[in-house]
Amino acid sequence: MSPILEVDNLSTWFDTEQGSLKAVDEVSFQLHAGDTLGIVGESGCGKTVLSLSIMRLVPTPPGRYVSGQIKMNGLDLLSLSESEMRKVRGKSISMIYQEPMTSLNPVFRIGAQISETIRLHQGCNRTESHHKAIEMLRLVGIEVPEKRINDYPHQLSGGMRQRVMIAMALACHPRLMLADEPTTALDVTIQAQILALINDLKRDMGTSVILITHDLGVIAENAQQVAIMYAGKFVEYSDVKNLFAHPLHPYTEGLLHSIPRIERYYSRDKRLPIIPGVVPDLSRLPQGCRFQERCSDVMPICRDEEPALIEQRNPKRYVRCWKYQ
């Protein structure tokens, strides 16, 4: 079966006074219909820029697409004009943003914001789009949608605002949905409800999902494939089961070890493991491996040459580390 999305050697850089900031650097992956790809990494690793690149929402300038292709059902999105791309956004690809309060327009009622998307892409009149907006609110679990459709964003809780964002994202039944840390600002109970909702809608509508997060626990429960992203590059790409059972890259190992576990006992002398240091400045990347200053397995070659993303067999997966080259 052909993939619904193909990203090939994509590089998105930003021109700054300090030089070119390599936010996304030579990233490649495929996503098939009905699957969820999880993208994990610390803040500043390029996850959000990758999602904005797929949506063609990177401001240019200062951003620019240096290389690569983004193909949606065989159509190269980077070759489309802005007017052509506007027809794709919302209809074929939609996005759930990290903070719904800053994504929803505070001066318009939520019903008007959902209806606008429906009218734009489905050619409905105001009455039809209004009724469809109510149905979408009901679909995402908002009670009494006939009344709630007239509310402003500030009248809703954080969980309900996120449900509105999901309703807006799915209003035109897109083939692909990008979820950029959709549960970060929510408590764990609402987080579980939102993730369950996304999975139910994905199953019912056949939508593929790219789930961006820094929480590996969320990935374990909701994704089939996972990419570990560090300093603009994928450093490991695997199915979820094998990544959790046998992590290959030292960065992946560090992320997994830093997850609190019930069976562990932590005291003043035995604290939660951490990855030392911080993500490097993307405009001043070190020569060689980008993880070298934080890696406990660093070798001389790591400081001289950057490793390639190499396929590993049994099982099939990819890792960017000199230990496996």
C-alpha atoms as a PDB file:
ATOM      1  CA  MET A   1       0.000   0.000   0.000  1.00  0.00           C
ATOM      2  CA  SER A   2       1.344   3.416  -0.962  1.00  0.00           C
ATOM      3  CA  PRO A   3       2.082   5.826   1.910  1.00  0.00           C
ATOM      4  CA  ILE A   4      -0.243   8.776   2.411  1.00  0.00           C
ATOM      5  CA  LEU A   5       2.700  11.051   3.302  1.00  0.00           C
ATOM      6  CA  GLU A   6       6.307  10.903   2.135  1.00  0.00           C
ATOM      7  CA  VAL A   7       8.905  13.312   3.505  1.00  0.00           C
ATOM      8  CA  ASP A   8      12.223  12.959   1.708  1.00  0.00           C
ATOM      9  CA  ASN A   9      15.442  14.692   2.798  1.00  0.00           C
ATOM     10  CA  LEU A  10      13.576  17.746   4.124  1.00  0.00           C
ATOM     11  CA  SER A  11      15.664  20.647   5.442  1.00  0.00           C
ATOM     12  CA  THR A  12      14.106  23.814   6.873  1.00  0.00           C
ATOM     13  CA  TRP A  13      16.533  26.508   8.019  1.00  0.00           C
ATOM     14  CA  PHE A  14      16.171  30.000   9.444  1.00  0.00           C
ATOM     15  CA  ASP A  15      18.494  32.845   8.505  1.00  0.00           C
ATOM     16  CA  THR A  16      19.635  34.734  11.613  1.00  0.00           C
ATOM     17  CA  GLU A  17      22.365  37.215  12.487  1.00  0.00           C
ATOM     18  CA  GLN A  18      24.323  34.312  13.982  1.00  0.00           C
ATOM     19  CA  GLY A  19      24.051  32.255  10.800  1.00  0.00           C
ATOM     20  CA  SER A  20      21.733  29.560   9.438  1.00  0.00           C
ATOM     21  CA  LEU A  21      19.722  27.845  12.147  1.00  0.00           C
ATOM     22  CA  LYS A  22      19.179  24.237  11.017  1.00  0.00           C
ATOM     23  CA  ALA A  23      15.811  23.554  12.670  1.00  0.00           C
ATOM     24  CA  VAL A  24      15.027  20.564  10.429  1.00  0.00           C
ATOM     25  CA  ASP A  25      17.964  18.922   8.707  1.00  0.00           C
ATOM     26  CA  GLU A  26      17.665  16.102   6.146  1.00  0.00           C
ATOM     27  CA  VAL A  27      14.595  14.429   7.665  1.00  0.00           C
ATOM     28  CA  SER A  28      12.918  11.530   5.834  1.00  0.00           C
ATOM     29  CA  PHE A  29       9.984   9.281   6.754  1.00  0.00           C
ATOM     30  CA  GLN A  30       6.765   7.732   5.443  1.00  0.00           C
ATOM     31  CA  LEU A  31       3.300   7.488   6.973  1.00  0.00           C
ATOM     32  CA  HIS A  32       0.611   5.036   5.859  1.00  0.00           C
ATOM     33  CA  ALA A  33      -3.147   5.460   6.068  1.00  0.00           C
ATOM     34  CA  GLY A  34      -4.616   4.911   9.529  1.00  0.00           C
ATOM     35  CA  ASP A  35      -1.225   4.855  11.304  1.00  0.00           C
ATOM     36  CA  THR A  36       0.133   7.116  14.018  1.00  0.00           C
ATOM     37  CA  LEU A  37       3.748   8.290  13.926  1.00  0.00           C
ATOM     38  CA  GLY A  38       5.074   9.661  17.200  1.00  0.00           C
ATOM     39  CA  ILE A  39       7.874  12.246  17.104  1.00  0.00           C
ATOM     40  CA  VAL A  40       9.695  12.660  20.412  1.00  0.00           C
ATOM     41  CA  GLY A  41      12.434  14.990  21.615  1.00  0.00           C
ATOM     42  CA  GLU A  42      13.264  17.805  23.980  1.00  0.00           C
ATOM     43  CA  SER A  43      12.211  21.392  23.379  1.00  0.00           C
ATOM     44  CA  GLY A  44      14.326  22.995  20.670  1.00  0.00           C
ATOM     45  CA  CYS A  45      14.897  19.786  18.675  1.00  0.00           C
ATOM     46  CA  GLY A  46      12.803  20.885  15.673  1.00  0.00           C
ATOM     47  CA  LYS A  47       9.569  18.929  16.189  1.00  0.00           C
ATOM     48  CA  THR A  48       7.194  21.880  15.776  1.00  0.00           C
ATOM     49  CA  VAL A  49       9.130  23.293  12.804  1.00  0.00           C
ATOM     50  CA  LEU A  50       8.803  19.899  11.131  1.00  0.00           C
ATOM     51  CA  SER A  51       5.009  19.983  11.533  1.00  0.00           C
ATOM     52  CA  LEU A  52       4.832  23.591  10.330  1.00  0.00           C
ATOM     53  CA  SER A  53       6.970  22.627   7.330  1.00  0.00           C
ATOM     54  CA  ILE A  54       4.485  19.912   6.364  1.00  0.00           C
ATOM     55  CA  MET A  55       1.663  22.475   6.621  1.00  0.00           C
ATOM     56  CA  ARG A  56       3.772  25.021   4.690  1.00  0.00           C
ATOM     57  CA  LEU A  57       3.336  27.502   7.545  1.00  0.00           C
ATOM     58  CA  VAL A  58       7.002  28.346   8.112  1.00  0.00           C
ATOM     59  CA  PRO A  59       7.367  32.144   7.654  1.00  0.00           C
ATOM     60  CA  THR A  60       9.634  32.857   4.679  1.00  0.00           C
ATOM     61  CA  PRO A  61      11.760  34.822   5.379  1.00  0.00           C
ATOM     62  CA  PRO A  62      13.442  34.207   7.787  1.00  0.00           C
ATOM     63  CA  GLY A  63      12.659  30.525   7.186  1.00  0.00           C
ATOM     64  CA  ARG A  64      13.440  28.712   3.954  1.00  0.00           C
ATOM     65  CA  TYR A  65      13.062  25.199   2.602  1.00  0.00           C
ATOM     66  CA  VAL A  66      16.633  24.280   1.687  1.00  0.00           C
ATOM     67  CA  SER A  67      16.021  20.834   0.231  1.00  0.00           C
ATOM     68  CA  GLY A  68      13.669  17.895   0.068  1.00  0.00           C
ATOM     69  CA  GLN A  69      10.129  16.963  -0.867  1.00  0.00           C
ATOM     70  CA  ILE A  70       6.852  16.647   1.028  1.00  0.00           C
ATOM     71  CA  LYS A  71       4.473  14.417  -0.932  1.00  0.00           C
ATOM     72  CA  MET A  72       0.827  13.994   0.058  1.00  0.00           C
ATOM     73  CA  ASN A  73      -0.747  11.221  -2.035  1.00  0.00           C
ATOM     74  CA  GLY A  74       1.986  11.825  -4.604  1.00  0.00           C
ATOM     75  CA  LEU A  75       1.485  15.616  -4.725  1.00  0.00           C
ATOM     76  CA  ASP A  76       4.608  17.616  -3.822  1.00  0.00           C
ATOM     77  CA  LEU A  77       3.393  20.273  -1.365  1.00  0.00           C
ATOM     78  CA  LEU A  78       6.555  22.366  -1.700  1.00  0.00           C
ATOM     79  CA  SER A  79       5.814  22.905  -5.399  1.00  0.00           C
ATOM     80  CA  LEU A  80       2.326  24.356  -4.779  1.00  0.00           C
ATOM     81  CA  SER A  81       1.512  28.051  -4.825  1.00  0.00           C
ATOM     82  CA  GLU A  82       0.145  29.635  -1.655  1.00  0.00           C
ATOM     83  CA  SER A  83      -3.398  29.717  -3.069  1.00  0.00           C
ATOM     84  CA  GLU A  84      -3.155  26.018  -3.973  1.00  0.00           C
ATOM     85  CA  MET A  85      -1.777  25.189  -0.528  1.00  0.00           C
ATOM     86  CA  ARG A  86      -4.695  26.943   1.196  1.00  0.00           C
ATOM     87  CA  LYS A  87      -7.012  24.417  -0.472  1.00  0.00           C
ATOM     88  CA  VAL A  88      -4.962  21.583   1.049  1.00  0.00           C
ATOM     89  CA  ARG A  89      -4.833  22.953   4.606  1.00  0.00           C
ATOM     90  CA  GLY A  90      -7.925  22.026   6.577  1.00  0.00           C
ATOM     91  CA  LYS A  91      -9.241  19.735   3.851  1.00  0.00           C
ATOM     92  CA  SER A  92      -6.453  17.187   3.320  1.00  0.00           C
ATOM     93  CA  ILE A  93      -4.154  18.136   6.222  1.00  0.00           C
ATOM     94  CA  SER A  94      -5.164  19.686   9.521  1.00  0.00           C
ATOM     95  CA  MET A  95      -3.335  20.597  12.705  1.00  0.00           C
ATOM     96  CA  ILE A  96      -4.061  20.621  16.424  1.00  0.00           C
ATOM     97  CA  TYR A  97      -1.853  23.206  18.102  1.00  0.00           C
ATOM     98  CA  GLN A  98      -0.229  22.973  21.498  1.00  0.00           C
ATOM     99  CA  GLU A  99      -2.150  25.786  23.222  1.00  0.00           C
ATOM    100  CA  PRO A 100      -5.769  26.173  22.045  1.00  0.00           C
ATOM    101  CA  MET A 101      -6.285  29.505  23.816  1.00  0.00           C
ATOM    102  CA  THR A 102      -3.706  31.141  21.559  1.00  0.00           C
ATOM    103  CA  SER A 103      -4.923  29.260  18.454  1.00  0.00           C
ATOM    104  CA  LEU A 104      -8.613  30.129  18.735  1.00  0.00           C
ATOM    105  CA  ASN A 105      -9.631  33.701  17.930  1.00  0.00           C
ATOM    106  CA  PRO A 106     -10.857  35.211  21.233  1.00  0.00           C
ATOM    107  CA  VAL A 107     -13.300  37.655  19.586  1.00  0.00           C
ATOM    108  CA  PHE A 108     -15.263  35.081  17.567  1.00  0.00           C
ATOM    109  CA  ARG A 109     -17.644  32.430  18.854  1.00  0.00           C
ATOM    110  CA  ILE A 110     -16.350  28.875  18.498  1.00  0.00           C
ATOM    111  CA  GLY A 111     -19.219  27.977  16.173  1.00  0.00           C
ATOM    112  CA  ALA A 112     -18.251  30.718  13.738  1.00  0.00           C
ATOM    113  CA  GLN A 113     -14.653  29.492  13.679  1.00  0.00           C
ATOM    114  CA  ILE A 114     -15.625  25.882  12.930  1.00  0.00           C
ATOM    115  CA  SER A 115     -18.267  26.923  10.394  1.00  0.00           C
ATOM    116  CA  GLU A 116     -15.749  29.055   8.484  1.00  0.00           C
ATOM    117  CA  THR A 117     -13.573  25.998   7.847  1.00  0.00           C
ATOM    118  CA  ILE A 118     -16.566  23.979   6.657  1.00  0.00           C
ATOM    119  CA  ARG A 119     -17.807  26.719   4.307  1.00  0.00           C
ATOM    120  CA  LEU A 120     -14.340  27.308   2.877  1.00  0.00           C
ATOM    121  CA  HIS A 121     -13.600  23.682   1.980  1.00  0.00           C
ATOM    122  CA  GLN A 122     -17.034  22.112   1.490  1.00  0.00           C
ATOM    123  CA  GLY A 123     -18.957  24.951  -0.135  1.00  0.00           C
ATOM    124  CA  CYS A 124     -21.805  24.879   2.384  1.00  0.00           C
ATOM    125  CA  ASN A 125     -24.065  27.824   3.136  1.00  0.00           C
ATOM    126  CA  ARG A 126     -24.242  29.343   6.625  1.00  0.00           C
ATOM    127  CA  THR A 127     -27.149  27.187   7.799  1.00  0.00           C
ATOM    128  CA  GLU A 128     -25.563  23.929   6.639  1.00  0.00           C
ATOM    129  CA  SER A 129     -22.162  24.791   8.093  1.00  0.00           C
ATOM    130  CA  HIS A 130     -23.793  25.759  11.407  1.00  0.00           C
ATOM    131  CA  HIS A 131     -25.524  22.378  11.679  1.00  0.00           C
ATOM    132  CA  LYS A 132     -22.319  20.543  10.724  1.00  0.00           C
ATOM    133  CA  ALA A 133     -20.395  22.506  13.361  1.00  0.00           C
ATOM    134  CA  ILE A 134     -22.896  21.374  15.999  1.00  0.00           C
ATOM    135  CA  GLU A 135     -22.442  17.770  14.875  1.00  0.00           C
ATOM    136  CA  MET A 136     -18.662  18.087  15.122  1.00  0.00           C
ATOM    137  CA  LEU A 137     -18.926  19.454  18.662  1.00  0.00           C
ATOM    138  CA  ARG A 138     -21.194  16.555  19.571  1.00  0.00           C
ATOM    139  CA  LEU A 139     -18.723  14.129  17.957  1.00  0.00           C
ATOM    140  CA  VAL A 140     -15.856  15.337  20.161  1.00  0.00           C
ATOM    141  CA  GLY A 141     -17.904  14.943  23.312  1.00  0.00           C
ATOM    142  CA  ILE A 142     -19.047  18.481  24.115  1.00  0.00           C
ATOM    143  CA  GLU A 143     -22.381  18.368  25.912  1.00  0.00           C
ATOM    144  CA  VAL A 144     -25.293  20.522  24.752  1.00  0.00           C
ATOM    145  CA  PRO A 145     -23.468  21.608  21.573  1.00  0.00           C
ATOM    146  CA  GLU A 146     -26.474  23.683  20.491  1.00  0.00           C
ATOM    147  CA  LYS A 147     -25.692  26.073  23.352  1.00  0.00           C
ATOM    148  CA  ARG A 148     -21.914  25.730  23.468  1.00  0.00           C
ATOM    149  CA  ILE A 149     -21.580  26.681  19.811  1.00  0.00           C
ATOM    150  CA  ASN A 150     -22.354  30.280  20.812  1.00  0.00           C
ATOM    151  CA  ASP A 151     -19.624  30.422  23.483  1.00  0.00           C
ATOM    152  CA  TYR A 152     -16.384  32.356  23.179  1.00  0.00           C
ATOM    153  CA  PRO A 153     -13.078  30.523  23.835  1.00  0.00           C
ATOM    154  CA  HIS A 154     -12.601  32.141  27.266  1.00  0.00           C
ATOM    155  CA  GLN A 155     -15.891  30.604  28.424  1.00  0.00           C
ATOM    156  CA  LEU A 156     -14.544  27.069  27.968  1.00  0.00           C
ATOM    157  CA  SER A 157     -12.145  25.002  30.067  1.00  0.00           C
ATOM    158  CA  GLY A 158      -8.765  23.953  28.692  1.00  0.00           C
ATOM    159  CA  GLY A 159     -10.015  20.461  27.857  1.00  0.00           C
ATOM    160  CA  MET A 160     -13.091  21.804  26.078  1.00  0.00           C
ATOM    161  CA  ARG A 161     -11.000  24.280  24.063  1.00  0.00           C
ATOM    162  CA  GLN A 162      -8.803  21.423  22.953  1.00  0.00           C
ATOM    163  CA  ARG A 163     -11.906  19.485  21.916  1.00  0.00           C
ATOM    164  CA  VAL A 164     -12.986  22.497  19.854  1.00  0.00           C
ATOM    165  CA  MET A 165      -9.578  22.491  18.156  1.00  0.00           C
ATOM    166  CA  ILE A 166     -10.006  18.783  17.354  1.00  0.00           C
ATOM    167  CA  ALA A 167     -13.516  19.438  16.006  1.00  0.00           C
ATOM    168  CA  MET A 168     -12.120  22.185  13.775  1.00  0.00           C
ATOM    169  CA  ALA A 169      -9.251  19.982  12.623  1.00  0.00           C
ATOM    170  CA  LEU A 170     -11.574  17.101  11.693  1.00  0.00           C
ATOM    171  CA  ALA A 171     -14.468  19.159  10.302  1.00  0.00           C
ATOM    172  CA  CYS A 172     -13.550  18.396   6.692  1.00  0.00           C
ATOM    173  CA  HIS A 173     -12.435  14.781   7.315  1.00  0.00           C
ATOM    174  CA  PRO A 174      -8.726  15.288   6.503  1.00  0.00           C
ATOM    175  CA  ARG A 175      -6.502  12.378   5.499  1.00  0.00           C
ATOM    176  CA  LEU A 176      -3.720  13.567   7.817  1.00  0.00           C
ATOM    177  CA  MET A 177      -3.828  15.271  11.216  1.00  0.00           C
ATOM    178  CA  LEU A 178      -0.801  16.833  12.911  1.00  0.00           C
ATOM    179  CA  ALA A 179      -1.103  16.996  16.704  1.00  0.00           C
ATOM    180  CA  ASP A 180       1.600  19.222  18.196  1.00  0.00           C
ATOM    181  CA  GLU A 181       1.729  18.371  21.900  1.00  0.00           C
ATOM    182  CA  PRO A 182      -2.087  18.467  22.138  1.00  0.00           C
ATOM    183  CA  THR A 183      -2.189  17.564  25.838  1.00  0.00           C
ATOM    184  CA  THR A 184       0.756  19.498  27.316  1.00  0.00           C
ATOM    185  CA  ALA A 185      -1.365  22.149  29.066  1.00  0.00           C
ATOM    186  CA  LEU A 186      -3.934  19.652  30.402  1.00  0.00           C
ATOM    187  CA  ASP A 187      -4.088  17.594  33.593  1.00  0.00           C
ATOM    188  CA  VAL A 188      -3.602  13.837  33.299  1.00  0.00           C
ATOM    189  CA  THR A 189      -7.314  12.974  33.409  1.00  0.00           C
ATOM    190  CA  ILE A 190      -8.219  15.355  30.573  1.00  0.00           C
ATOM    191  CA  GLN A 191      -5.056  14.284  28.729  1.00  0.00           C
ATOM    192  CA  ALA A 192      -6.239  10.677  28.710  1.00  0.00           C
ATOM    193  CA  GLN A 193      -9.675  11.748  27.451  1.00  0.00           C
ATOM    194  CA  ILE A 194      -8.214  13.834  24.601  1.00  0.00           C
ATOM    195  CA  LEU A 195      -5.861  11.044  23.477  1.00  0.00           C
ATOM    196  CA  ALA A 196      -8.689   8.498  23.595  1.00  0.00           C
ATOM    197  CA  LEU A 197     -10.818  10.879  21.535  1.00  0.00           C
ATOM    198  CA  ILE A 198      -8.098  11.295  18.895  1.00  0.00           C
ATOM    199  CA  ASN A 199      -7.696   7.504  18.646  1.00  0.00           C
ATOM    200  CA  ASP A 200     -11.452   6.933  18.363  1.00  0.00           C
ATOM    201  CA  LEU A 201     -11.823   9.544  15.636  1.00  0.00           C
ATOM    202  CA  LYS A 202      -8.764   8.193  13.836  1.00  0.00           C
ATOM    203  CA  ARG A 203     -10.313   4.735  13.818  1.00  0.00           C
ATOM    204  CA  ASP A 204     -13.765   5.945  12.742  1.00  0.00           C
ATOM    205  CA  MET A 205     -12.546   8.326  10.012  1.00  0.00           C
ATOM    206  CA  GLY A 206      -9.400   6.502   8.871  1.00  0.00           C
ATOM    207  CA  THR A 207      -7.270   9.589   9.500  1.00  0.00           C
ATOM    208  CA  SER A 208      -3.490   9.231   9.842  1.00  0.00           C
ATOM    209  CA  VAL A 209      -1.852  11.083  12.742  1.00  0.00           C
ATOM    210  CA  ILE A 210       1.551  12.599  13.459  1.00  0.00           C
ATOM    211  CA  LEU A 211       1.709  12.960  17.235  1.00  0.00           C
ATOM    212  CA  ILE A 212       4.411  15.335  18.476  1.00  0.00           C
ATOM    213  CA  THR A 213       5.279  15.169  22.153  1.00  0.00           C
ATOM    214  CA  HIS A 214       8.079  15.017  24.707  1.00  0.00           C
ATOM    215  CA  ASP A 215       6.261  12.280  26.643  1.00  0.00           C
ATOM    216  CA  LEU A 216       7.305   8.740  25.722  1.00  0.00           C
ATOM    217  CA  GLY A 217       4.453   7.359  27.818  1.00  0.00           C
ATOM    218  CA  VAL A 218       1.971   8.999  25.446  1.00  0.00           C
ATOM    219  CA  ILE A 219       3.815   7.479  22.481  1.00  0.00           C
ATOM    220  CA  ALA A 220       3.782   3.987  24.008  1.00  0.00           C
ATOM    221  CA  GLU A 221      -0.010   4.008  24.234  1.00  0.00           C
ATOM    222  CA  ASN A 222      -0.933   5.784  21.008  1.00  0.00           C
ATOM    223  CA  ALA A 223       1.626   5.312  18.199  1.00  0.00           C
ATOM    224  CA  GLN A 224       2.706   2.466  15.935  1.00  0.00           C
ATOM    225  CA  GLN A 225       5.963   4.060  14.727  1.00  0.00           C
ATOM    226  CA  VAL A 226       8.202   6.469  16.602  1.00  0.00           C
ATOM    227  CA  ALA A 227      10.981   8.849  15.552  1.00  0.00           C
ATOM    228  CA  ILE A 228      13.412  10.255  18.116  1.00  0.00           C
ATOM    229  CA  MET A 229      14.453  13.761  17.046  1.00  0.00           C
ATOM    230  CA  TYR A 230      17.532  15.593  18.315  1.00  0.00           C
ATOM    231  CA  ALA A 231      18.986  18.919  17.122  1.00  0.00           C
ATOM    232  CA  GLY A 232      17.033  18.907  13.862  1.00  0.00           C
ATOM    233  CA  LYS A 233      17.690  15.280  12.860  1.00  0.00           C
ATOM    234  CA  PHE A 234      16.103  11.882  13.416  1.00  0.00           C
ATOM    235  CA  VAL A 235      18.540   9.846  15.528  1.00  0.00           C
ATOM    236  CA  GLU A 236      16.366   6.735  15.787  1.00  0.00           C
ATOM    237  CA  TYR A 237      13.318   5.464  13.881  1.00  0.00           C
ATOM    238  CA  SER A 238      11.545   2.280  14.892  1.00  0.00           C
ATOM    239  CA  ASP A 239       8.269   0.562  15.643  1.00  0.00           C
ATOM    240  CA  VAL A 240       7.125   1.361  19.173  1.00  0.00           C
ATOM    241  CA  LYS A 241       7.471  -2.135  20.624  1.00  0.00           C
ATOM    242  CA  ASN A 242      11.116  -2.609  19.675  1.00  0.00           C
ATOM    243  CA  LEU A 243      12.129   0.930  20.606  1.00  0.00           C
ATOM    244  CA  PHE A 244      10.903   0.487  24.176  1.00  0.00           C
ATOM    245  CA  ALA A 245      12.258  -3.060  24.462  1.00  0.00           C
ATOM    246  CA  HIS A 246      15.687  -2.380  22.910  1.00  0.00           C
ATOM    247  CA  PRO A 247      16.582   1.326  22.475  1.00  0.00           C
ATOM    248  CA  LEU A 248      19.686   1.768  20.311  1.00  0.00           C
ATOM    249  CA  HIS A 249      20.711   5.432  20.403  1.00  0.00           C
ATOM    250  CA  PRO A 250      22.199   6.810  23.664  1.00  0.00           C
ATOM    251  CA  TYR A 251      19.721   9.713  23.513  1.00  0.00           C
ATOM    252  CA  THR A 252      16.785   7.290  23.346  1.00  0.00           C
ATOM    253  CA  GLU A 253      18.222   5.365  26.290  1.00  0.00           C
ATOM    254  CA  GLY A 254      18.534   8.606  28.256  1.00  0.00           C
ATOM    255  CA  LEU A 255      14.938   9.587  27.548  1.00  0.00           C
ATOM    256  CA  LEU A 256      13.654   6.175  28.652  1.00  0.00           C
ATOM    257  CA  HIS A 257      15.762   6.124  31.822  1.00  0.00           C
ATOM    258  CA  SER A 258      14.466   9.548  32.831  1.00  0.00           C
ATOM    259  CA  ILE A 259      10.856   8.320  32.988  1.00  0.00           C
ATOM    260  CA  PRO A 260       9.757   7.898  36.642  1.00  0.00           C
ATOM    261  CA  ARG A 261       8.750   4.313  37.427  1.00  0.00           C
ATOM    262  CA  ILE A 262       6.654   3.057  40.335  1.00  0.00           C
ATOM    263  CA  GLU A 263       8.990   0.144  41.071  1.00  0.00           C
ATOM    264  CA  ARG A 264      11.987   2.444  41.510  1.00  0.00           C
ATOM    265  CA  TYR A 265      12.754   3.998  44.859  1.00  0.00           C
ATOM    266  CA  TYR A 266      14.209   7.508  44.766  1.00  0.00           C
ATOM    267  CA  SER A 267      15.915   9.150  47.706  1.00  0.00           C
ATOM    268  CA  ARG A 268      18.386  11.958  48.288  1.00  0.00           C
ATOM    269  CA  ASP A 269      21.171   9.539  47.358  1.00  0.00           C
ATOM    270  CA  LYS A 270      19.323   7.913  44.443  1.00  0.00           C
ATOM    271  CA  ARG A 271      17.666  10.465  42.228  1.00  0.00           C
ATOM    272  CA  LEU A 272      15.900  10.306  38.892  1.00  0.00           C
ATOM    273  CA  PRO A 273      18.472   9.851  36.073  1.00  0.00           C
ATOM    274  CA  ILE A 274      18.902  12.829  33.778  1.00  0.00           C
ATOM    275  CA  ILE A 275      20.632  13.580  30.491  1.00  0.00           C
ATOM    276  CA  PRO A 276      23.380  16.102  31.297  1.00  0.00           C
ATOM    277  CA  GLY A 277      23.672  19.343  29.339  1.00  0.00           C
ATOM    278  CA  VAL A 278      21.238  20.946  26.914  1.00  0.00           C
ATOM    279  CA  VAL A 279      20.343  20.766  23.219  1.00  0.00           C
ATOM    280  CA  PRO A 280      23.075  22.592  21.227  1.00  0.00           C
ATOM    281  CA  ASP A 281      22.483  25.929  19.541  1.00  0.00           C
ATOM    282  CA  LEU A 282      21.115  24.993  16.108  1.00  0.00           C
ATOM    283  CA  SER A 283      23.034  27.850  14.502  1.00  0.00           C
ATOM    284  CA  ARG A 284      26.341  26.683  16.046  1.00  0.00           C
ATOM    285  CA  LEU A 285      26.257  22.925  15.812  1.00  0.00           C
ATOM    286  CA  PRO A 286      29.379  20.970  16.782  1.00  0.00           C
ATOM    287  CA  GLN A 287      31.458  19.104  14.247  1.00  0.00           C
ATOM    288  CA  GLY A 288      30.604  15.413  14.213  1.00  0.00           C
ATOM    289  CA  CYS A 289      27.744  13.895  16.181  1.00  0.00           C
ATOM    290  CA  ARG A 290      25.344  16.491  17.584  1.00  0.00           C
ATOM    291  CA  PHE A 291      24.836  14.492  20.795  1.00  0.00           C
ATOM    292  CA  GLN A 292      28.548  14.110  21.574  1.00  0.00           C
ATOM    293  CA  GLU A 293      28.737  16.537  24.539  1.00  0.00           C
ATOM    294  CA  ARG A 294      25.933  14.725  26.391  1.00  0.00           C
ATOM    295  CA  CYS A 295      26.775  11.139  25.442  1.00  0.00           C
ATOM    296  CA  SER A 296      28.355   8.662  27.861  1.00  0.00           C
ATOM    297  CA  ASP A 297      29.490   6.446  24.952  1.00  0.00           C
ATOM    298  CA  VAL A 298      31.299   9.151  22.976  1.00  0.00           C
ATOM    299  CA  MET A 299      34.279   8.000  20.851  1.00  0.00           C
ATOM    300  CA  PRO A 300      36.980  10.008  19.007  1.00  0.00           C
ATOM    301  CA  ILE A 301      35.210   9.557  15.656  1.00  0.00           C
ATOM    302  CA  CYS A 302      32.052  11.103  17.152  1.00  0.00           C
ATOM    303  CA  ARG A 303      33.875  14.456  17.403  1.00  0.00           C
ATOM    304  CA  ASP A 304      35.168  14.347  13.827  1.00  0.00           C
ATOM    305  CA  GLU A 305      32.409  12.947  11.612  1.00  0.00           C
ATOM    306  CA  GLU A 306      28.635  12.970  11.756  1.00  0.00           C
ATOM    307  CA  PRO A 307      27.102   9.469  11.609  1.00  0.00           C
ATOM    308  CA  ALA A 308      24.527   8.593   8.963  1.00  0.00           C
ATOM    309  CA  LEU A 309      21.060   7.190   9.674  1.00  0.00           C
ATOM    310  CA  ILE A 310      21.761   3.497   9.072  1.00  0.00           C
ATOM    311  CA  GLU A 311      19.233   0.698   8.687  1.00  0.00           C
ATOM    312  CA  GLN A 312      19.481  -2.087  11.253  1.00  0.00           C
ATOM    313  CA  ARG A 313      18.003  -5.507  10.559  1.00  0.00           C
ATOM    314  CA  ASN A 314      16.308  -8.030  12.855  1.00  0.00           C
ATOM    315  CA  PRO A 315      14.160  -6.108  13.423  1.00  0.00           C
ATOM    316  CA  LYS A 316      14.201  -3.407  10.743  1.00  0.00           C
ATOM    317  CA  ARG A 317      14.833   0.029  12.234  1.00  0.00           C
ATOM    318  CA  TYR A 318      17.150   3.016  11.775  1.00  0.00           C
ATOM    319  CA  VAL A 319      19.719   4.616  14.085  1.00  0.00           C
ATOM    320  CA  ARG A 320      22.225   7.475  13.747  1.00  0.00           C
ATOM    321  CA  CYS A 321      25.180   6.405  15.926  1.00  0.00           C
ATOM    322  CA  TRP A 322      28.756   5.329  15.316  1.00  0.00           C
ATOM    323  CA  LYS A 323      28.293   2.272  17.559  1.00  0.00           C
ATOM    324  CA  TYR A 324      26.218   0.683  14.805  1.00  0.00           C
ATOM    325  CA  GLN A 325      28.102   1.842  11.680  1.00  0.00           C
END
